[in-house]
Amino acid sequence: MADLKYADEIQSAFGDNTQGLISPSDSRDAFASMLNGHGFLSTNTETTIPILDGTWTQINPLLVDVTTAPEQLWSIDGNNLFVPVYSTQPQMTVPEGYQKLCSFVSVISLRKDLSGSDDYLAQWVEDGIGVGLAESISFSAAGEQVETMLYSSSVLIGEAHTFGMQIMGVGTTDELHITYMSQQVTDSILISAPVAP
């Protein structure tokens, strides 16, 4: 069974091997630790988002006809949320406290039916709580626009956190319609253990 290791741990274990010190298990650990996880979700079926003024609405559970392409290290749960599943892989051991750097991207095409100027906020969510900066979305009138939202964070590999999107109105309850939405996650092992703040 392979042990996940940070890159600097692997490098220190791999000398020039002139004395044959690199073992098969070292090679196995290096291979497992270099695996990157990926997940993808998309839908082009229109979804109506009920907007609340000053209160977040979770987007992912409302999506229908979702196409997903998660690999073995990420999955999509019943609410269309990304979930890392490293700890369920029988071929690798995840040391306690180990982290990976994850990058999340969401592209959403939104339409507002009613006229008038309205403001909204959209944000990535981890375990139901907003993370990163909230993106401001403004409609000057009825119409459609595309928004791209990014979020990056180091994530504990052995814990099954969930990731998705939320949106709310700022002084408005005019509902929005998602005509297309995609989300993607990629991750990579950190160079070394993160320094505690």
Protein backbone atom coordinates (compact mmCIF):
# COMPACT_ATOMS: atom_id res chain seq x y z
CA MET A 1 0.00 0.00 0.00
CA ALA A 2 1.41 3.40 -1.01
CA ASP A 3 1.87 6.24 1.47
CA LEU A 4 1.08 9.78 0.31
CA LYS A 5 4.02 12.11 0.96
CA TYR A 6 4.83 15.75 0.32
CA ALA A 7 7.24 16.43 -2.53
CA ASP A 8 10.12 17.45 -0.27
CA GLU A 9 9.78 14.16 1.65
CA ILE A 10 9.96 12.22 -1.59
CA GLN A 11 12.95 14.23 -2.79
CA SER A 12 14.86 13.59 0.41
CA ALA A 13 14.18 9.85 0.07
CA PHE A 14 15.46 9.81 -3.53
CA GLY A 15 19.21 10.25 -3.54
CA ASP A 16 21.33 9.43 -6.59
CA ASN A 17 20.83 5.75 -5.72
CA THR A 18 24.51 4.92 -6.24
CA GLN A 19 24.22 2.55 -3.27
CA GLY A 20 20.82 1.17 -4.33
CA LEU A 21 18.99 2.90 -1.48
CA ILE A 22 15.82 3.71 -3.45
CA SER A 23 13.46 0.87 -2.65
CA PRO A 24 10.44 -0.31 -4.67
CA SER A 25 8.23 1.13 -1.92
CA ASP A 26 9.91 4.54 -2.37
CA SER A 27 9.04 4.42 -6.07
CA ARG A 28 5.48 3.33 -5.29
CA ASP A 29 5.03 6.19 -2.78
CA ALA A 30 6.40 8.71 -5.29
CA PHE A 31 3.97 7.54 -7.97
CA ALA A 32 0.95 7.69 -5.64
CA SER A 33 1.92 11.12 -4.30
CA MET A 34 2.16 12.62 -7.79
CA LEU A 35 -1.43 11.68 -8.67
CA ASN A 36 -3.64 14.71 -9.27
CA GLY A 37 -7.38 14.57 -8.63
CA HIS A 38 -9.96 16.06 -10.99
CA GLY A 39 -13.71 16.54 -10.99
CA PHE A 40 -16.06 18.12 -13.54
CA LEU A 41 -19.75 18.95 -13.46
CA SER A 42 -21.92 20.68 -16.05
CA THR A 43 -25.54 21.25 -16.99
CA ASN A 44 -27.25 23.19 -19.76
CA THR A 45 -30.76 22.52 -18.48
CA GLU A 46 -32.32 25.78 -17.29
CA THR A 47 -32.62 26.00 -13.51
CA THR A 48 -34.57 28.69 -11.68
CA ILE A 49 -32.85 30.03 -8.56
CA PRO A 50 -35.23 31.44 -5.94
CA ILE A 51 -33.47 34.56 -4.72
CA LEU A 52 -33.62 35.77 -1.13
CA ASP A 53 -32.55 39.26 -0.11
CA GLY A 54 -29.49 38.91 2.13
CA THR A 55 -29.81 35.12 2.53
CA TRP A 56 -27.79 32.57 0.57
CA THR A 57 -29.40 29.95 -1.68
CA GLN A 58 -27.39 26.81 -2.42
CA ILE A 59 -27.18 26.33 -6.20
CA ASN A 60 -25.87 22.78 -6.63
CA PRO A 61 -28.83 20.87 -5.10
CA LEU A 62 -31.16 22.66 -7.55
CA LEU A 63 -29.31 21.57 -10.70
CA VAL A 64 -30.90 18.95 -12.96
CA ASP A 65 -29.59 16.79 -15.84
CA VAL A 66 -26.06 17.11 -14.53
CA THR A 67 -23.16 15.58 -16.44
CA THR A 68 -20.22 14.63 -14.23
CA ALA A 69 -16.76 13.29 -14.92
CA PRO A 70 -15.21 12.70 -11.51
CA GLU A 71 -12.08 10.59 -11.36
CA GLN A 72 -11.36 8.10 -8.61
CA LEU A 73 -10.02 10.77 -6.24
CA TRP A 74 -13.13 13.03 -6.43
CA SER A 75 -16.82 12.20 -6.54
CA ILE A 76 -20.14 14.03 -6.90
CA ASP A 77 -22.67 13.46 -4.10
CA GLY A 78 -26.47 13.42 -4.27
CA ASN A 79 -26.58 17.24 -4.05
CA ASN A 80 -24.19 17.69 -7.01
CA LEU A 81 -21.37 18.75 -4.69
CA PHE A 82 -17.70 17.85 -5.15
CA VAL A 83 -16.33 15.46 -2.50
CA PRO A 84 -12.67 14.32 -2.24
CA VAL A 85 -12.49 10.57 -1.65
CA TYR A 86 -8.78 9.88 -1.19
CA SER A 87 -9.38 8.10 2.10
CA THR A 88 -11.57 5.49 0.38
CA GLN A 89 -8.82 4.37 -2.01
CA PRO A 90 -7.49 0.99 -0.87
CA GLN A 91 -4.17 1.41 -2.66
CA MET A 92 -3.00 4.43 -0.65
CA THR A 93 -2.57 5.48 2.95
CA VAL A 94 -3.35 9.11 3.76
CA PRO A 95 -1.30 10.32 6.75
CA GLU A 96 -3.30 12.33 9.27
CA GLY A 97 -3.20 16.06 8.61
CA TYR A 98 -1.89 15.83 5.03
CA GLN A 99 -3.20 18.47 2.65
CA LYS A 100 -3.52 19.06 -1.08
CA LEU A 101 -3.84 22.37 -2.90
CA CYS A 102 -7.21 22.52 -4.67
CA SER A 103 -8.33 24.95 -7.37
CA PHE A 104 -12.03 25.38 -8.13
CA VAL A 105 -13.54 27.12 -11.18
CA SER A 106 -17.22 27.75 -11.84
CA VAL A 107 -18.69 29.23 -15.03
CA ILE A 108 -22.36 30.23 -14.81
CA SER A 109 -24.60 31.78 -17.46
CA LEU A 110 -27.36 33.70 -15.67
CA ARG A 111 -30.54 35.34 -16.93
CA LYS A 112 -32.78 37.84 -15.14
CA ASP A 113 -36.30 38.24 -16.53
CA LEU A 114 -37.50 41.37 -14.80
CA SER A 115 -36.35 44.85 -15.76
CA GLY A 116 -34.52 47.24 -13.48
CA SER A 117 -31.06 47.24 -11.92
CA ASP A 118 -30.32 44.52 -9.38
CA ASP A 119 -27.25 43.29 -7.52
CA TYR A 120 -26.37 39.77 -6.42
CA LEU A 121 -23.50 37.96 -4.72
CA ALA A 122 -22.17 34.51 -5.66
CA GLN A 123 -19.64 32.49 -3.70
CA TRP A 124 -18.00 29.07 -3.43
CA VAL A 125 -19.16 26.98 -0.47
CA GLU A 126 -17.27 24.44 1.64
CA ASP A 127 -19.43 22.28 3.90
CA GLY A 128 -22.32 24.74 3.52
CA ILE A 129 -20.25 27.79 4.53
CA GLY A 130 -19.12 30.50 2.12
CA VAL A 131 -15.38 30.54 1.41
CA GLY A 132 -13.17 32.96 -0.47
CA LEU A 133 -14.38 36.26 -1.86
CA ALA A 134 -18.01 36.71 -2.84
CA GLU A 135 -18.35 37.77 -6.48
CA SER A 136 -20.59 40.76 -7.20
CA ILE A 137 -23.04 40.33 -10.10
CA SER A 138 -25.00 43.32 -11.38
CA PHE A 139 -27.82 43.44 -13.93
CA SER A 140 -28.66 46.85 -15.32
CA ALA A 141 -31.80 45.40 -16.92
CA ALA A 142 -33.26 42.08 -17.96
CA GLY A 143 -30.75 39.98 -19.86
CA GLU A 144 -28.13 37.24 -19.67
CA GLN A 145 -24.47 37.26 -18.67
CA VAL A 146 -21.67 34.83 -17.91
CA GLU A 147 -19.75 34.86 -14.63
CA THR A 148 -16.54 32.99 -13.75
CA MET A 149 -15.77 32.35 -10.08
CA LEU A 150 -12.50 31.01 -8.70
CA TYR A 151 -11.51 29.58 -5.33
CA SER A 152 -8.28 27.96 -4.15
CA SER A 153 -7.48 26.36 -0.82
CA SER A 154 -5.44 23.64 0.80
CA VAL A 155 -7.72 20.78 1.82
CA LEU A 156 -7.21 17.93 4.28
CA ILE A 157 -6.99 14.88 2.04
CA GLY A 158 -8.45 12.40 4.49
CA GLU A 159 -11.66 14.38 5.15
CA ALA A 160 -14.70 14.30 2.86
CA HIS A 161 -15.58 17.99 2.63
CA THR A 162 -18.20 19.16 0.11
CA PHE A 163 -17.80 22.04 -2.36
CA GLY A 164 -20.39 23.92 -4.40
CA MET A 165 -21.87 27.38 -5.09
CA GLN A 166 -24.35 29.77 -3.45
CA ILE A 167 -26.01 33.03 -4.50
CA MET A 168 -28.13 35.75 -2.89
CA GLY A 169 -29.82 39.03 -3.74
CA VAL A 170 -28.58 42.37 -2.43
CA GLY A 171 -31.71 44.44 -1.99
CA THR A 172 -33.68 42.27 -4.42
CA THR A 173 -35.67 39.05 -4.58
CA ASP A 174 -35.85 38.95 -8.39
CA GLU A 175 -35.14 35.30 -9.25
CA LEU A 176 -32.40 34.24 -11.63
CA HIS A 177 -32.25 31.47 -14.22
CA ILE A 178 -29.10 29.43 -14.84
CA THR A 179 -28.97 28.45 -18.51
CA TYR A 180 -25.53 26.84 -18.29
CA MET A 181 -23.26 25.97 -15.39
CA SER A 182 -19.96 24.12 -15.13
CA GLN A 183 -17.67 23.46 -12.20
CA GLN A 184 -14.20 21.99 -12.18
CA VAL A 185 -11.76 21.02 -9.46
CA THR A 186 -8.10 20.07 -9.80
CA ASP A 187 -5.64 19.36 -7.04
CA SER A 188 -1.97 18.61 -6.48
CA ILE A 189 0.15 17.52 -3.54
CA LEU A 190 1.85 20.38 -1.71
CA ILE A 191 5.62 20.79 -2.02
CA SER A 192 5.91 20.56 1.74
CA ALA A 193 3.72 20.52 4.82
CA PRO A 194 1.98 23.90 5.23
CA VAL A 195 3.32 26.15 7.96
CA ALA A 196 0.88 26.73 10.79
CA PRO A 197 -0.26 30.39 10.99
